C-alpha atoms as a PDB file:
ATOM      1  CA  MET A   1      -3.256  49.522 -55.900  1.00  0.00           C
ATOM      2  CA  PRO A   2      -0.025  47.435 -56.007  1.00  0.00           C
ATOM      3  CA  ALA A   3       1.324  49.483 -53.112  1.00  0.00           C
ATOM      4  CA  THR A   4      -1.795  48.675 -51.104  1.00  0.00           C
ATOM      5  CA  ILE A   5      -1.395  44.937 -51.786  1.00  0.00           C
ATOM      6  CA  VAL A   6       2.248  45.057 -50.702  1.00  0.00           C
ATOM      7  CA  LEU A   7       1.259  46.854 -47.516  1.00  0.00           C
ATOM      8  CA  VAL A   8      -1.472  44.308 -46.753  1.00  0.00           C
ATOM      9  CA  ARG A   9       0.929  41.430 -47.323  1.00  0.00           C
ATOM     10  CA  ALA A  10       3.499  43.026 -45.020  1.00  0.00           C
ATOM     11  CA  VAL A  11       0.880  43.467 -42.295  1.00  0.00           C
ATOM     12  CA  LEU A  12      -0.254  39.842 -42.674  1.00  0.00           C
ATOM     13  CA  ARG A  13       3.335  38.589 -42.418  1.00  0.00           C
ATOM     14  CA  ARG A  14       3.831  40.607 -39.249  1.00  0.00           C
ATOM     15  CA  VAL A  15       0.596  39.245 -37.771  1.00  0.00           C
ATOM     16  CA  ARG A  16       1.657  35.677 -38.589  1.00  0.00           C
ATOM     17  CA  ARG A  17       5.081  36.230 -36.995  1.00  0.00           C
ATOM     18  CA  ASN A  18       3.423  37.629 -33.882  1.00  0.00           C
ATOM     19  CA  ARG A  19       1.077  34.647 -33.704  1.00  0.00           C
ATOM     20  CA  ILE A  20       3.963  32.199 -34.066  1.00  0.00           C
ATOM     21  CA  LEU A  21       5.846  34.036 -31.327  1.00  0.00           C
ATOM     22  CA  GLU A  22       2.756  34.012 -29.121  1.00  0.00           C
ATOM     23  CA  VAL A  23       2.268  30.262 -29.616  1.00  0.00           C
ATOM     24  CA  ALA A  24       5.957  29.604 -28.916  1.00  0.00           C
ATOM     25  CA  LEU A  25       5.853  31.644 -25.720  1.00  0.00           C
ATOM     26  CA  THR A  26       2.652  29.911 -24.630  1.00  0.00           C
ATOM     27  CA  VAL A  27       4.167  26.459 -25.202  1.00  0.00           C
ATOM     28  CA  ALA A  28       7.350  27.446 -23.351  1.00  0.00           C
ATOM     29  CA  PHE A  29       5.355  28.802 -20.405  1.00  0.00           C
ATOM     30  CA  ALA A  30       3.189  25.678 -20.287  1.00  0.00           C
ATOM     31  CA  LEU A  31       6.298  23.485 -20.294  1.00  0.00           C
ATOM     32  CA  LEU A  32       7.915  25.474 -17.501  1.00  0.00           C
ATOM     33  CA  LEU A  33       4.676  25.324 -15.513  1.00  0.00           C
ATOM     34  CA  PHE A  34       4.492  21.542 -16.017  1.00  0.00           C
ATOM     35  CA  LEU A  35       8.086  21.077 -14.867  1.00  0.00           C
ATOM     36  CA  ALA A  36       7.502  23.275 -11.826  1.00  0.00           C
ATOM     37  CA  VAL A  37       4.339  21.403 -10.878  1.00  0.00           C
ATOM     38  CA  GLN A  38       6.107  18.062 -11.302  1.00  0.00           C
ATOM     39  CA  ALA A  39       9.084  19.190  -9.233  1.00  0.00           C
ATOM     40  CA  TYR A  40       7.217  20.825  -6.368  1.00  0.00           C
ATOM     41  CA  ALA A  41       3.546  19.858  -6.432  1.00  0.00           C
ATOM     42  CA  VAL A  42       2.393  16.617  -8.081  1.00  0.00           C
ATOM     43  CA  LYS A  43       4.570  13.939  -9.671  1.00  0.00           C
ATOM     44  CA  PRO A  44       3.493  10.719 -11.425  1.00  0.00           C
ATOM     45  CA  TYR A  45       4.996   7.355 -10.458  1.00  0.00           C
ATOM     46  CA  ARG A  46       4.651   3.864 -11.902  1.00  0.00           C
ATOM     47  CA  ILE A  47       4.202   0.925  -9.500  1.00  0.00           C
ATOM     48  CA  PRO A  48       7.035  -1.534 -10.280  1.00  0.00           C
ATOM     49  CA  SER A  49       6.233  -4.493  -8.005  1.00  0.00           C
ATOM     50  CA  ALA A  50       3.448  -6.446  -6.317  1.00  0.00           C
ATOM     51  CA  SER A  51       4.417  -5.358  -2.791  1.00  0.00           C
ATOM     52  CA  MET A  52       1.392  -3.058  -2.436  1.00  0.00           C
ATOM     53  CA  GLU A  53      -1.244  -5.452  -3.795  1.00  0.00           C
ATOM     54  CA  PRO A  54      -4.199  -5.508  -3.641  1.00  0.00           C
ATOM     55  CA  THR A  55      -4.232  -1.712  -3.163  1.00  0.00           C
ATOM     56  CA  LEU A  56      -1.780  -0.996  -5.999  1.00  0.00           C
ATOM     57  CA  ARG A  57      -0.985  -3.345  -8.861  1.00  0.00           C
ATOM     58  CA  VAL A  58       2.081  -3.639 -11.044  1.00  0.00           C
ATOM     59  CA  GLY A  59       1.846  -1.013 -13.787  1.00  0.00           C
ATOM     60  CA  ASP A  60      -0.562   1.286 -11.924  1.00  0.00           C
ATOM     61  CA  ARG A  61       0.384   4.933 -12.213  1.00  0.00           C
ATOM     62  CA  VAL A  62      -0.160   7.130  -9.187  1.00  0.00           C
ATOM     63  CA  LEU A  63      -0.062  10.846  -8.501  1.00  0.00           C
ATOM     64  CA  VAL A  64       2.107  11.891  -5.579  1.00  0.00           C
ATOM     65  CA  ASP A  65       1.390  15.056  -3.597  1.00  0.00           C
ATOM     66  CA  ARG A  66       4.723  16.739  -2.862  1.00  0.00           C
ATOM     67  CA  VAL A  67       3.337  20.074  -1.659  1.00  0.00           C
ATOM     68  CA  SER A  68       2.365  18.987   1.852  1.00  0.00           C
ATOM     69  CA  HIS A  69       5.781  17.474   2.480  1.00  0.00           C
ATOM     70  CA  HIS A  70       7.557  20.573   1.144  1.00  0.00           C
ATOM     71  CA  LEU A  71       5.461  22.653   3.539  1.00  0.00           C
ATOM     72  CA  GLY A  72       6.616  20.549   6.490  1.00  0.00           C
ATOM     73  CA  ALA A  73       3.716  18.133   7.022  1.00  0.00           C
ATOM     74  CA  ASP A  74       4.887  14.786   8.439  1.00  0.00           C
ATOM     75  CA  PRO A  75       3.520  11.499   7.088  1.00  0.00           C
ATOM     76  CA  ASP A  76       0.777   9.900   9.164  1.00  0.00           C
ATOM     77  CA  VAL A  77      -0.238   6.312   9.834  1.00  0.00           C
ATOM     78  CA  GLY A  78      -2.269   4.904   6.951  1.00  0.00           C
ATOM     79  CA  GLN A  79      -0.800   7.120   4.242  1.00  0.00           C
ATOM     80  CA  ILE A  80       0.848   5.553   1.197  1.00  0.00           C
ATOM     81  CA  VAL A  81       4.148   7.317   0.578  1.00  0.00           C
ATOM     82  CA  VAL A  82       6.883   7.414  -2.043  1.00  0.00           C
ATOM     83  CA  PHE A  83      10.355   7.590  -0.497  1.00  0.00           C
ATOM     84  CA  HIS A  84      14.013   6.711  -0.782  1.00  0.00           C
ATOM     85  CA  PRO A  85      14.657   3.560   1.273  1.00  0.00           C
ATOM     86  CA  PRO A  86      17.879   2.873   3.165  1.00  0.00           C
ATOM     87  CA  SER A  87      20.650   1.452   0.992  1.00  0.00           C
ATOM     88  CA  GLY A  88      20.165  -1.825   2.861  1.00  0.00           C
ATOM     89  CA  ALA A  89      16.999  -2.318   0.825  1.00  0.00           C
ATOM     90  CA  ASP A  90      19.135  -2.732  -2.311  1.00  0.00           C
ATOM     91  CA  ILE A  91      20.840  -5.925  -1.136  1.00  0.00           C
ATOM     92  CA  ALA A  92      19.422  -9.451  -0.984  1.00  0.00           C
ATOM     93  CA  ALA A  93      19.863  -9.932   2.772  1.00  0.00           C
ATOM     94  CA  PRO A  94      19.932  -6.680   4.786  1.00  0.00           C
ATOM     95  CA  GLU A  95      22.280  -6.866   7.777  1.00  0.00           C
ATOM     96  CA  CYS A  96      19.555  -6.138  10.294  1.00  0.00           C
ATOM     97  CA  ALA A  97      17.376  -8.950   8.968  1.00  0.00           C
ATOM     98  CA  ARG A  98      20.280 -11.396   9.439  1.00  0.00           C
ATOM     99  CA  ARG A  99      21.281 -10.114  12.871  1.00  0.00           C
ATOM    100  CA  LEU A 100      17.975  -9.883  14.740  1.00  0.00           C
ATOM    101  CA  SER A 101      15.464 -12.614  15.466  1.00  0.00           C
ATOM    102  CA  GLY A 102      11.885 -11.966  16.447  1.00  0.00           C
ATOM    103  CA  ALA A 103      12.001  -8.193  15.929  1.00  0.00           C
ATOM    104  CA  ALA A 104      11.775  -5.797  13.042  1.00  0.00           C
ATOM    105  CA  CYS A 105      14.777  -3.654  12.201  1.00  0.00           C
ATOM    106  CA  ALA A 106      14.963  -0.743  14.646  1.00  0.00           C
ATOM    107  CA  ARG A 107      17.348   1.462  12.645  1.00  0.00           C
ATOM    108  CA  PRO A 108      17.807   2.058   8.908  1.00  0.00           C
ATOM    109  CA  VAL A 109      20.429  -0.144   7.258  1.00  0.00           C
ATOM    110  CA  GLY A 110      22.778   2.297   5.545  1.00  0.00           C
ATOM    111  CA  PRO A 111      22.339   5.762   3.999  1.00  0.00           C
ATOM    112  CA  ALA A 112      19.600   6.707   1.567  1.00  0.00           C
ATOM    113  CA  SER A 113      19.308   4.713  -1.647  1.00  0.00           C
ATOM    114  CA  SER A 114      18.787   6.425  -4.999  1.00  0.00           C
ATOM    115  CA  ASN A 115      15.840   4.088  -5.661  1.00  0.00           C
ATOM    116  CA  THR A 116      12.245   5.012  -4.865  1.00  0.00           C
ATOM    117  CA  PHE A 117       9.765   2.722  -3.097  1.00  0.00           C
ATOM    118  CA  VAL A 118       6.036   2.946  -2.422  1.00  0.00           C
ATOM    119  CA  LYS A 119       4.755   1.623   0.928  1.00  0.00           C
ATOM    120  CA  ARG A 120       2.191   2.366   3.632  1.00  0.00           C
ATOM    121  CA  VAL A 121       3.102   4.168   6.845  1.00  0.00           C
ATOM    122  CA  VAL A 122       2.244   1.876   9.789  1.00  0.00           C
ATOM    123  CA  GLY A 123       4.160   3.639  12.560  1.00  0.00           C
ATOM    124  CA  VAL A 124       5.461   7.116  13.372  1.00  0.00           C
ATOM    125  CA  SER A 125       7.920   8.551  15.859  1.00  0.00           C
ATOM    126  CA  GLY A 126       7.577   6.934  19.289  1.00  0.00           C
ATOM    127  CA  ASP A 127       5.305   4.065  18.192  1.00  0.00           C
ATOM    128  CA  ARG A 128       6.186   0.558  19.329  1.00  0.00           C
ATOM    129  CA  ILE A 129       5.775  -1.806  16.373  1.00  0.00           C
ATOM    130  CA  ALA A 130       5.513  -5.606  16.339  1.00  0.00           C
ATOM    131  CA  VAL A 131       3.962  -7.954  13.775  1.00  0.00           C
ATOM    132  CA  ARG A 132       1.595 -10.882  14.300  1.00  0.00           C
ATOM    133  CA  ASP A 133       0.351 -13.022  11.393  1.00  0.00           C
ATOM    134  CA  GLY A 134       1.402 -10.213   9.084  1.00  0.00           C
ATOM    135  CA  HIS A 135      -0.663  -7.623  10.946  1.00  0.00           C
ATOM    136  CA  VAL A 136       0.811  -4.596  12.689  1.00  0.00           C
ATOM    137  CA  ILE A 137       0.696  -4.476  16.479  1.00  0.00           C
ATOM    138  CA  ARG A 138       1.032  -0.767  17.201  1.00  0.00           C
ATOM    139  CA  ASN A 139       1.556   0.241  20.821  1.00  0.00           C
ATOM    140  CA  GLY A 140       0.207  -3.130  21.929  1.00  0.00           C
ATOM    141  CA  ARG A 141      -2.941  -3.055  19.772  1.00  0.00           C
ATOM    142  CA  ARG A 142      -3.524  -4.978  16.591  1.00  0.00           C
ATOM    143  CA  GLN A 143      -4.443  -2.526  13.865  1.00  0.00           C
ATOM    144  CA  ARG A 144      -7.511  -2.791  11.654  1.00  0.00           C
ATOM    145  CA  GLU A 145      -6.041  -3.374   8.189  1.00  0.00           C
ATOM    146  CA  PRO A 146      -8.683  -4.416   5.638  1.00  0.00           C
ATOM    147  CA  PHE A 147      -6.272  -3.476   2.837  1.00  0.00           C
ATOM    148  CA  ALA A 148      -3.611  -6.030   3.834  1.00  0.00           C
ATOM    149  CA  ALA A 149      -3.181  -9.308   1.946  1.00  0.00           C
ATOM    150  CA  PRO A 150      -2.598 -12.514   3.972  1.00  0.00           C
ATOM    151  CA  CYS A 151       1.048 -12.876   4.926  1.00  0.00           C
ATOM    152  CA  GLY A 152       1.525 -16.563   4.127  1.00  0.00           C
ATOM    153  CA  GLY A 153       3.511 -17.689   7.156  1.00  0.00           C
ATOM    154  CA  GLY A 154       7.050 -16.492   6.340  1.00  0.00           C
ATOM    155  CA  GLY A 155       9.531 -15.368   8.975  1.00  0.00           C
ATOM    156  CA  GLU A 156       8.545 -11.726   8.546  1.00  0.00           C
ATOM    157  CA  CYS A 157       4.904 -12.558   9.371  1.00  0.00           C
ATOM    158  CA  ASN A 158       5.585 -12.827  13.107  1.00  0.00           C
ATOM    159  CA  LEU A 159       7.935 -10.371  14.806  1.00  0.00           C
ATOM    160  CA  PRO A 160       6.754 -10.428  18.436  1.00  0.00           C
ATOM    161  CA  ARG A 161       9.533  -8.255  19.892  1.00  0.00           C
ATOM    162  CA  PRO A 162       8.413  -4.612  19.605  1.00  0.00           C
ATOM    163  CA  VAL A 163      10.767  -1.944  18.286  1.00  0.00           C
ATOM    164  CA  THR A 164      10.334   1.781  18.889  1.00  0.00           C
ATOM    165  CA  VAL A 165      10.275   4.050  15.853  1.00  0.00           C
ATOM    166  CA  PRO A 166      12.963   6.734  16.369  1.00  0.00           C
ATOM    167  CA  ARG A 167      12.085  10.403  16.391  1.00  0.00           C
ATOM    168  CA  GLY A 168      11.953  11.831  12.875  1.00  0.00           C
ATOM    169  CA  PHE A 169      11.323   8.426  11.253  1.00  0.00           C
ATOM    170  CA  VAL A 170       8.387   6.422   9.904  1.00  0.00           C
ATOM    171  CA  PHE A 171       7.927   2.642   9.801  1.00  0.00           C
ATOM    172  CA  VAL A 172       6.610   1.433   6.446  1.00  0.00           C
ATOM    173  CA  MET A 173       5.209  -1.870   5.194  1.00  0.00           C
ATOM    174  CA  GLY A 174       3.727  -3.117   1.938  1.00  0.00           C
ATOM    175  CA  ASP A 175       0.073  -4.145   1.892  1.00  0.00           C
ATOM    176  CA  ASN A 176       1.145  -7.472   0.360  1.00  0.00           C
ATOM    177  CA  ARG A 177       2.652  -8.548   3.671  1.00  0.00           C
ATOM    178  CA  GLY A 178       4.154 -11.816   2.471  1.00  0.00           C
ATOM    179  CA  ALA A 179       5.810 -10.302  -0.623  1.00  0.00           C
ATOM    180  CA  SER A 180       7.173  -6.967   0.519  1.00  0.00           C
ATOM    181  CA  SER A 181      10.684  -5.856   1.415  1.00  0.00           C
ATOM    182  CA  ASP A 182      10.100  -3.073   3.931  1.00  0.00           C
ATOM    183  CA  SER A 183      10.976  -1.684   7.365  1.00  0.00           C
ATOM    184  CA  ARG A 184      10.738  -5.151   8.862  1.00  0.00           C
ATOM    185  CA  GLU A 185      13.962  -6.010   7.001  1.00  0.00           C
ATOM    186  CA  TRP A 186      15.889  -2.773   6.484  1.00  0.00           C
ATOM    187  CA  GLY A 187      14.558  -0.391   9.082  1.00  0.00           C
ATOM    188  CA  PRO A 188      12.467   2.740   9.442  1.00  0.00           C
ATOM    189  CA  VAL A 189      12.754   5.648   7.004  1.00  0.00           C
ATOM    190  CA  PRO A 190      13.829   9.184   7.929  1.00  0.00           C
ATOM    191  CA  ILE A 191      11.060  11.653   7.179  1.00  0.00           C
ATOM    192  CA  ASP A 192      13.595  13.654   5.165  1.00  0.00           C
ATOM    193  CA  TRP A 193      13.750  10.764   2.670  1.00  0.00           C
ATOM    194  CA  VAL A 194       9.997  10.853   2.028  1.00  0.00           C
ATOM    195  CA  ILE A 195       9.117  12.413  -1.333  1.00  0.00           C
ATOM    196  CA  GLY A 196       5.366  12.699  -0.872  1.00  0.00           C
ATOM    197  CA  GLU A 197       2.025  10.972  -0.391  1.00  0.00           C
ATOM    198  CA  ALA A 198       0.396   8.905  -3.146  1.00  0.00           C
ATOM    199  CA  VAL A 199      -3.108  10.346  -3.443  1.00  0.00           C
ATOM    200  CA  ALA A 200      -4.677   8.780  -6.544  1.00  0.00           C
ATOM    201  CA  VAL A 201      -4.372   6.118  -9.229  1.00  0.00           C
ATOM    202  CA  TYR A 202      -4.802   7.767 -12.642  1.00  0.00           C
ATOM    203  CA  TRP A 203      -3.842   4.899 -14.977  1.00  0.00           C
ATOM    204  CA  PRO A 204      -5.151   2.553 -16.289  1.00  0.00           C
ATOM    205  CA  PRO A 205      -8.527   4.319 -16.582  1.00  0.00           C
ATOM    206  CA  GLY A 206     -10.418   1.359 -15.190  1.00  0.00           C
ATOM    207  CA  ARG A 207      -8.346   1.558 -11.993  1.00  0.00           C
ATOM    208  CA  ALA A 208      -8.640   5.325 -11.506  1.00  0.00           C
ATOM    209  CA  SER A 209      -9.447   6.147  -7.882  1.00  0.00           C
ATOM    210  CA  THR A 210      -8.292   8.129  -4.876  1.00  0.00           C
ATOM    211  CA  LEU A 211      -6.180   6.460  -2.210  1.00  0.00           C
END
């Protein structure tokens, strides 16, 4: 009888060890899967400024689709994208904004910044972009932009001289046209600097929606 009890206890210990190992392997696999998904598929971002209001508010958390970009899909007009801006976006007065009058910046000011921005694509390669009362004039036509907040009359609200978006670039602007540092000041963004498209707000719960 004692021998039987010892045997049972040994079996139970082995079963427990196997279960612990199984749980550990499951947790490790889940963590690796999460990291892979975050790196290559979907990544969360927090909105740090009011430049995309009213569409996105400060503190909103969005999910960014990275798969399409990794597979070679180019951003399209109307998409909200996360990207690395030119380094000119990191300074108070980008050189292009000081040098030109009446036109948006036609080329990026400096190499890629390590920061990440969230803006809306308003022009793609070959488009001619001007701005009137804060609204985009794309290829001579004012765009329908119900998402855009009033510009407020600043110098960036009227840029009547069109610029042509270079090949392989996108022109981005914030929806809060009077409170956004964007391609008007520091130039278009190379597609290679785009991280992915923001597809949904997931936090706070009351703001959850697709974009």
